[in-house]
Amino acid sequence: MNPSLLLGEFLSTPWALMPDRLQTIASVLSRWSNGREPEDSVQFQINTDRVVRTTRKQYAAEHSALGIAVLPLYGVITQRGNMVDNISGPGCTSTEQFSAAFRQLLADTSVGQILIDIDSPGGSVYGVAELAEDIFRARSQKPIIAIANSLAASAAYWIGCSASQFYVTPGGEVGSIGVWQAHQDFSKAFDDAGIKTTLISSGTYKVEGNPYGPLDPEAQAFMQSRVEDYYQAFAQSVAKGRNVSVSDVISGMGQGRVLGADAAMKQGMVDSVASFDQVLLKMQKQARTTTPLRSTHVPRLQHARDAIALM
């Protein structure tokens, strides 16, 4: 596929992702589609960041104690597989893999509390609503704590809001409540290149919004309706998780902007500002004063790293 068309298709799906973060993914897609290997400096950064991610996950596993399991949610969120893991930065997380690890920890009677360690700019909307609902329902079974350490934006904020309590580190950021998609018209570029495209289709709207021509008003209206549907689901989920009205979410909470810790606190977007270690210490104190869970026949995890290994 033409690299531009590949990126156009990528943009045309609904995203709950910080728009500026798409550039990194776009460069990866461009490399893939052209069969180019990354430059040495880029590959060095990718490998370095991969080591950092691995070390951070190991740290999370090793600090799972007193019945507390630390579950990482790092990087761009996608539904299936680590589609764009070959990028610098925090990488990516699959909602399917995360859900599997979360369910395993939820079923493990040796785990009394779950701490979701978030560092993500958001991602695809696919699978996020389901994961957020699973986390919200799990609050009645065990305390589910989330921390933006140091970024929980868009889809990541959607997920974090579903926890029993939501923290942000002093230097962290949360928000970017919104959904977007884009349409790219390549008709002039193709005309200049001497390329003429004829679409042959069946179904009234089958090729609606295609990149070979301008976006007509009817197609744009439909794309807008898709974005609005996902945005409403996003706002409703945040309202339920934060125990506020939908209008409070839409008219406040940054209105699509990412907010720093203090501003987020004033908007009621998080419960408190604290470091990762402070949150973990608070949970450990809570664990010492809580009656241990009764054992059942559910297989116990040997360690939280068993669940993290699923991701």
Protein backbone atom coordinates (compact mmCIF):
# COMPACT_ATOMS: atom_id res chain seq x y z
CA MET A 1 0.00 0.00 0.00
CA ASN A 2 1.10 3.55 -0.70
CA PRO A 3 2.67 4.95 2.53
CA SER A 4 0.40 8.00 2.43
CA LEU A 5 -2.69 5.82 2.07
CA LEU A 6 -1.55 3.63 4.95
CA LEU A 7 -1.23 6.70 7.18
CA GLY A 8 -4.57 8.00 5.89
CA GLU A 9 -6.28 4.76 6.85
CA PHE A 10 -4.59 4.95 10.25
CA LEU A 11 -5.84 8.50 10.82
CA SER A 12 -9.39 7.75 9.71
CA THR A 13 -10.21 5.49 12.67
CA PRO A 14 -11.42 7.16 15.90
CA TRP A 15 -8.64 7.92 18.39
CA ALA A 16 -8.61 8.84 22.05
CA LEU A 17 -4.97 9.86 21.77
CA MET A 18 -3.03 13.10 22.12
CA PRO A 19 -2.78 14.28 18.47
CA ASP A 20 0.87 15.34 18.75
CA ARG A 21 1.85 11.81 19.77
CA LEU A 22 0.64 10.43 16.45
CA GLN A 23 3.72 11.76 14.67
CA THR A 24 5.94 9.13 16.25
CA ILE A 25 3.59 6.35 15.17
CA ALA A 26 3.32 7.89 11.70
CA SER A 27 7.08 7.73 11.27
CA VAL A 28 7.04 4.05 12.21
CA LEU A 29 4.27 3.33 9.69
CA SER A 30 6.22 5.19 7.03
CA ARG A 31 9.32 3.08 7.73
CA TRP A 32 7.30 -0.15 7.65
CA SER A 33 5.51 0.68 4.41
CA ASN A 34 8.78 1.66 2.70
CA GLY A 35 10.71 -1.32 4.07
CA ARG A 36 13.28 0.97 5.68
CA GLU A 37 15.20 0.16 8.83
CA PRO A 38 15.38 2.94 11.43
CA GLU A 39 18.54 5.04 11.58
CA ASP A 40 21.17 3.93 14.07
CA SER A 41 20.37 6.79 16.44
CA VAL A 42 16.65 5.96 16.33
CA GLN A 43 17.29 2.24 16.85
CA PHE A 44 19.56 3.05 19.79
CA GLN A 45 16.79 5.11 21.39
CA ILE A 46 14.24 2.35 20.73
CA ASN A 47 16.46 -0.26 22.37
CA THR A 48 17.25 2.04 25.30
CA ASP A 49 13.59 2.79 25.93
CA ARG A 50 12.73 -0.91 25.64
CA VAL A 51 15.22 -1.65 28.44
CA VAL A 52 13.68 1.16 30.52
CA ARG A 53 10.18 -0.29 30.00
CA THR A 54 11.35 -3.78 30.95
CA THR A 55 13.11 -2.47 34.04
CA ARG A 56 10.06 -0.47 35.05
CA LYS A 57 7.80 -3.53 34.73
CA GLN A 58 10.25 -5.56 36.81
CA TYR A 59 10.23 -2.80 39.43
CA ALA A 60 6.44 -2.94 39.47
CA ALA A 61 6.45 -6.70 39.96
CA GLU A 62 9.08 -6.58 42.70
CA HIS A 63 7.10 -3.96 44.63
CA SER A 64 4.00 -6.12 44.69
CA ALA A 65 3.88 -7.04 48.37
CA LEU A 66 1.41 -7.41 51.23
CA GLY A 67 -1.21 -8.55 48.76
CA ILE A 68 -0.69 -5.56 46.45
CA ALA A 69 -0.19 -6.18 42.74
CA VAL A 70 1.22 -3.41 40.53
CA LEU A 71 -0.09 -3.61 36.96
CA PRO A 72 1.57 -1.39 34.32
CA LEU A 73 -0.36 0.47 31.62
CA TYR A 74 2.36 2.05 29.50
CA GLY A 75 2.45 3.66 26.08
CA VAL A 76 0.00 3.81 23.19
CA ILE A 77 -3.14 1.76 23.86
CA THR A 78 -4.31 -0.63 21.15
CA GLN A 79 -6.87 -3.41 21.26
CA ARG A 80 -4.94 -6.42 19.98
CA GLY A 81 -1.23 -7.08 20.22
CA ASN A 82 1.60 -4.64 20.61
CA MET A 83 1.14 -3.21 17.10
CA VAL A 84 3.56 -0.31 17.44
CA ASP A 85 6.02 -1.56 20.01
CA ASN A 86 9.00 -0.75 17.79
CA ILE A 87 8.98 2.90 18.80
CA SER A 88 10.86 4.98 21.33
CA GLY A 89 9.16 6.11 24.51
CA PRO A 90 6.89 3.99 26.68
CA GLY A 91 5.93 1.57 23.87
CA CYS A 92 2.36 0.32 23.86
CA THR A 93 -0.18 -1.81 25.72
CA SER A 94 -2.86 -4.11 24.35
CA THR A 95 -6.23 -3.83 26.09
CA GLU A 96 -6.74 -7.57 25.53
CA GLN A 97 -3.44 -8.47 27.22
CA PHE A 98 -4.01 -5.95 29.99
CA SER A 99 -7.52 -7.34 30.60
CA ALA A 100 -6.18 -10.88 30.84
CA ALA A 101 -3.59 -9.84 33.42
CA PHE A 102 -6.17 -7.81 35.33
CA ARG A 103 -8.63 -10.70 35.47
CA GLN A 104 -5.92 -13.04 36.70
CA LEU A 105 -5.03 -10.66 39.53
CA LEU A 106 -8.69 -10.14 40.35
CA ALA A 107 -9.23 -13.90 40.70
CA ASP A 108 -6.09 -14.45 42.78
CA THR A 109 -7.01 -14.61 46.47
CA SER A 110 -3.48 -13.67 47.49
CA VAL A 111 -3.98 -10.24 45.89
CA GLY A 112 -6.04 -7.86 48.00
CA GLN A 113 -5.38 -4.60 46.11
CA ILE A 114 -4.39 -3.70 42.56
CA LEU A 115 -2.38 -0.61 41.65
CA ILE A 116 -2.55 0.41 37.97
CA ASP A 117 0.64 2.31 37.10
CA ILE A 118 -0.23 4.52 34.10
CA ASP A 119 2.12 6.29 31.71
CA SER A 120 0.24 6.68 28.44
CA PRO A 121 -0.86 9.34 25.92
CA GLY A 122 -3.96 7.28 25.09
CA GLY A 123 -4.63 5.35 21.90
CA SER A 124 -7.35 3.63 19.92
CA VAL A 125 -10.89 3.78 21.28
CA TYR A 126 -11.42 0.10 20.46
CA GLY A 127 -11.58 -2.04 23.60
CA VAL A 128 -11.23 0.88 26.01
CA ALA A 129 -14.89 1.18 27.04
CA GLU A 130 -15.03 -2.53 27.82
CA LEU A 131 -11.84 -2.44 29.87
CA ALA A 132 -12.99 0.64 31.80
CA GLU A 133 -16.29 -1.06 32.62
CA ASP A 134 -14.48 -4.22 33.82
CA ILE A 135 -12.34 -2.12 36.15
CA PHE A 136 -15.33 -0.18 37.46
CA ARG A 137 -17.22 -3.39 38.27
CA ALA A 138 -14.14 -4.86 39.96
CA ARG A 139 -14.19 -2.02 42.51
CA SER A 140 -16.83 -3.96 44.45
CA GLN A 141 -14.44 -6.92 44.76
CA LYS A 142 -11.12 -5.28 45.61
CA PRO A 143 -9.66 -1.78 45.89
CA ILE A 144 -8.43 -0.80 42.42
CA ILE A 145 -6.08 2.18 42.61
CA ALA A 146 -4.71 4.06 39.58
CA ILE A 147 -1.86 6.55 39.35
CA ALA A 148 -0.81 8.78 36.46
CA ASN A 149 2.93 8.26 36.64
CA SER A 150 3.43 10.56 34.93
CA LEU A 151 0.84 10.78 32.11
CA ALA A 152 -2.74 9.51 31.81
CA ALA A 153 -4.20 11.16 28.72
CA SER A 154 -7.26 10.43 26.62
CA ALA A 155 -7.92 6.65 26.55
CA ALA A 156 -5.53 6.19 29.48
CA TYR A 157 -7.48 8.76 31.51
CA TRP A 158 -10.72 6.99 30.50
CA ILE A 159 -9.32 3.78 32.00
CA GLY A 160 -7.82 5.42 35.09
CA CYS A 161 -11.12 7.10 36.01
CA SER A 162 -12.69 3.67 36.46
CA ALA A 163 -10.49 2.86 39.46
CA SER A 164 -11.62 3.20 43.08
CA GLN A 165 -9.12 6.03 43.56
CA PHE A 166 -7.09 7.98 41.03
CA TYR A 167 -3.80 9.75 41.81
CA VAL A 168 -1.38 11.84 39.77
CA THR A 169 2.29 12.41 40.53
CA PRO A 170 3.34 16.00 41.41
CA GLY A 171 4.91 16.47 37.99
CA GLY A 172 2.30 14.42 36.15
CA GLU A 173 -0.52 15.27 33.77
CA VAL A 174 -4.02 13.94 33.10
CA GLY A 175 -6.91 14.72 30.78
CA SER A 176 -7.21 15.10 27.01
CA ILE A 177 -10.86 14.04 27.22
CA GLY A 178 -11.99 13.80 23.63
CA VAL A 179 -12.05 11.73 20.44
CA TRP A 180 -10.81 12.61 16.96
CA GLN A 181 -10.18 11.25 13.51
CA ALA A 182 -8.92 12.73 10.26
CA HIS A 183 -9.54 12.52 6.53
CA GLN A 184 -6.77 13.11 3.99
CA ASP A 185 -7.52 13.98 0.36
CA PHE A 186 -4.74 12.71 -1.91
CA SER A 187 -6.51 13.48 -5.20
CA LYS A 188 -4.31 16.43 -6.20
CA ALA A 189 -1.11 14.60 -5.28
CA PHE A 190 -2.19 11.64 -7.38
CA ASP A 191 -3.23 13.89 -10.26
CA ASP A 192 0.20 15.53 -10.20
CA ALA A 193 1.77 12.06 -10.25
CA GLY A 194 -0.38 11.01 -13.19
CA ILE A 195 -2.41 8.53 -11.17
CA LYS A 196 -6.10 8.18 -11.94
CA THR A 197 -8.20 6.12 -9.49
CA THR A 198 -11.57 4.61 -10.33
CA LEU A 199 -13.57 3.18 -7.42
CA ILE A 200 -15.78 0.18 -8.09
CA SER A 201 -18.05 -0.68 -5.17
CA SER A 202 -21.36 -2.11 -4.04
CA GLY A 203 -23.29 -0.59 -1.17
CA THR A 204 -24.46 3.00 -0.89
CA TYR A 205 -21.80 4.17 1.52
CA LYS A 206 -19.10 1.53 0.99
CA VAL A 207 -16.44 3.96 -0.28
CA GLU A 208 -17.65 6.96 1.71
CA GLY A 209 -14.76 9.01 3.05
CA ASN A 210 -12.18 7.45 0.72
CA PRO A 211 -8.88 9.35 0.30
CA TYR A 212 -9.08 9.62 -3.49
CA GLY A 213 -11.24 12.74 -3.43
CA PRO A 214 -12.54 15.56 -1.22
CA LEU A 215 -14.68 14.72 1.77
CA ASP A 216 -18.30 15.50 0.95
CA PRO A 217 -20.61 17.04 3.60
CA GLU A 218 -22.64 13.87 4.12
CA ALA A 219 -19.55 11.76 4.75
CA GLN A 220 -18.10 14.41 7.07
CA ALA A 221 -21.35 14.51 9.03
CA PHE A 222 -21.24 10.74 9.49
CA MET A 223 -17.60 10.83 10.62
CA GLN A 224 -18.54 13.57 13.08
CA SER A 225 -21.39 11.43 14.41
CA ARG A 226 -18.98 8.54 15.05
CA VAL A 227 -16.65 10.85 16.96
CA GLU A 228 -19.57 12.26 18.97
CA ASP A 229 -20.79 8.75 19.89
CA TYR A 230 -17.37 7.77 21.25
CA TYR A 231 -17.00 11.12 23.00
CA GLN A 232 -20.33 10.67 24.77
CA ALA A 233 -19.31 7.17 25.88
CA PHE A 234 -15.99 8.62 27.10
CA ALA A 235 -17.68 11.46 29.02
CA GLN A 236 -20.29 9.13 30.56
CA SER A 237 -17.61 6.71 31.73
CA VAL A 238 -15.57 9.52 33.30
CA ALA A 239 -18.70 10.90 34.98
CA LYS A 240 -19.53 7.51 36.45
CA GLY A 241 -16.00 6.87 37.62
CA ARG A 242 -15.49 10.31 39.11
CA ASN A 243 -19.07 10.47 40.48
CA VAL A 244 -19.94 13.72 38.71
CA SER A 245 -22.43 14.72 36.03
CA VAL A 246 -21.72 14.34 32.33
CA SER A 247 -22.12 18.11 31.94
CA ASP A 248 -19.36 18.61 34.53
CA VAL A 249 -17.05 16.48 32.40
CA ILE A 250 -17.93 18.19 29.12
CA SER A 251 -17.94 21.79 30.39
CA GLY A 252 -14.94 21.36 32.69
CA MET A 253 -12.05 18.93 33.17
CA GLY A 254 -9.84 20.67 30.62
CA GLN A 255 -12.32 20.37 27.72
CA GLY A 256 -9.85 18.26 25.76
CA ARG A 257 -6.69 19.74 27.24
CA VAL A 258 -4.12 17.92 29.34
CA LEU A 259 -3.84 19.46 32.83
CA GLY A 260 -1.05 19.43 35.37
CA ALA A 261 -1.49 17.91 38.81
CA ASP A 262 -2.72 20.98 40.69
CA ALA A 263 -5.12 22.08 37.95
CA ALA A 264 -6.46 18.54 37.65
CA MET A 265 -7.12 18.45 41.39
CA LYS A 266 -9.09 21.71 41.21
CA GLN A 267 -11.20 20.26 38.38
CA GLY A 268 -11.92 17.08 40.35
CA MET A 269 -10.16 14.92 37.78
CA VAL A 270 -8.11 13.03 40.40
CA ASP A 271 -8.44 12.28 44.10
CA SER A 272 -5.01 13.44 45.19
CA VAL A 273 -1.46 14.32 44.16
CA ALA A 274 1.16 11.82 45.31
CA SER A 275 4.24 9.99 44.13
CA PHE A 276 4.17 6.33 43.18
CA ASP A 277 5.99 5.38 46.39
CA GLN A 278 3.60 7.44 48.52
CA VAL A 279 0.57 5.72 46.99
CA LEU A 280 2.16 2.31 47.42
CA LEU A 281 2.99 3.08 51.06
CA LYS A 282 -0.59 4.16 51.70
CA MET A 283 -1.85 0.91 50.20
CA GLN A 284 0.58 -1.10 52.30
CA LYS A 285 -0.68 0.60 55.46
CA GLN A 286 -4.23 -0.20 54.40
CA ALA A 287 -3.26 -3.83 53.78
CA ARG A 288 -1.87 -4.17 57.32
CA THR A 289 -5.18 -3.09 58.81
CA THR A 290 -7.36 -5.20 56.51
CA THR A 291 -8.50 -8.72 57.33
CA PRO A 292 -6.84 -11.17 54.91
CA LEU A 293 -9.04 -12.56 52.17
CA ARG A 294 -10.30 -16.10 52.65
CA SER A 295 -8.73 -18.70 50.43
CA THR A 296 -10.73 -20.32 47.64
CA HIS A 297 -9.98 -22.94 45.03
CA VAL A 298 -8.85 -20.28 42.54
CA PRO A 299 -5.18 -20.91 41.60
CA ARG A 300 -2.91 -18.38 43.30
CA LEU A 301 -0.28 -16.36 41.49
CA GLN A 302 3.27 -17.09 42.53
CA HIS A 303 4.03 -13.42 41.99
CA ALA A 304 2.50 -10.37 40.30
CA ARG A 305 5.08 -10.81 37.54
CA ASP A 306 3.11 -13.88 36.43
CA ALA A 307 0.27 -11.59 35.40
CA ILE A 308 2.55 -8.90 34.01
CA ALA A 309 4.23 -11.56 31.84
CA LEU A 310 0.93 -11.91 29.97
CA MET A 311 1.26 -8.37 28.62
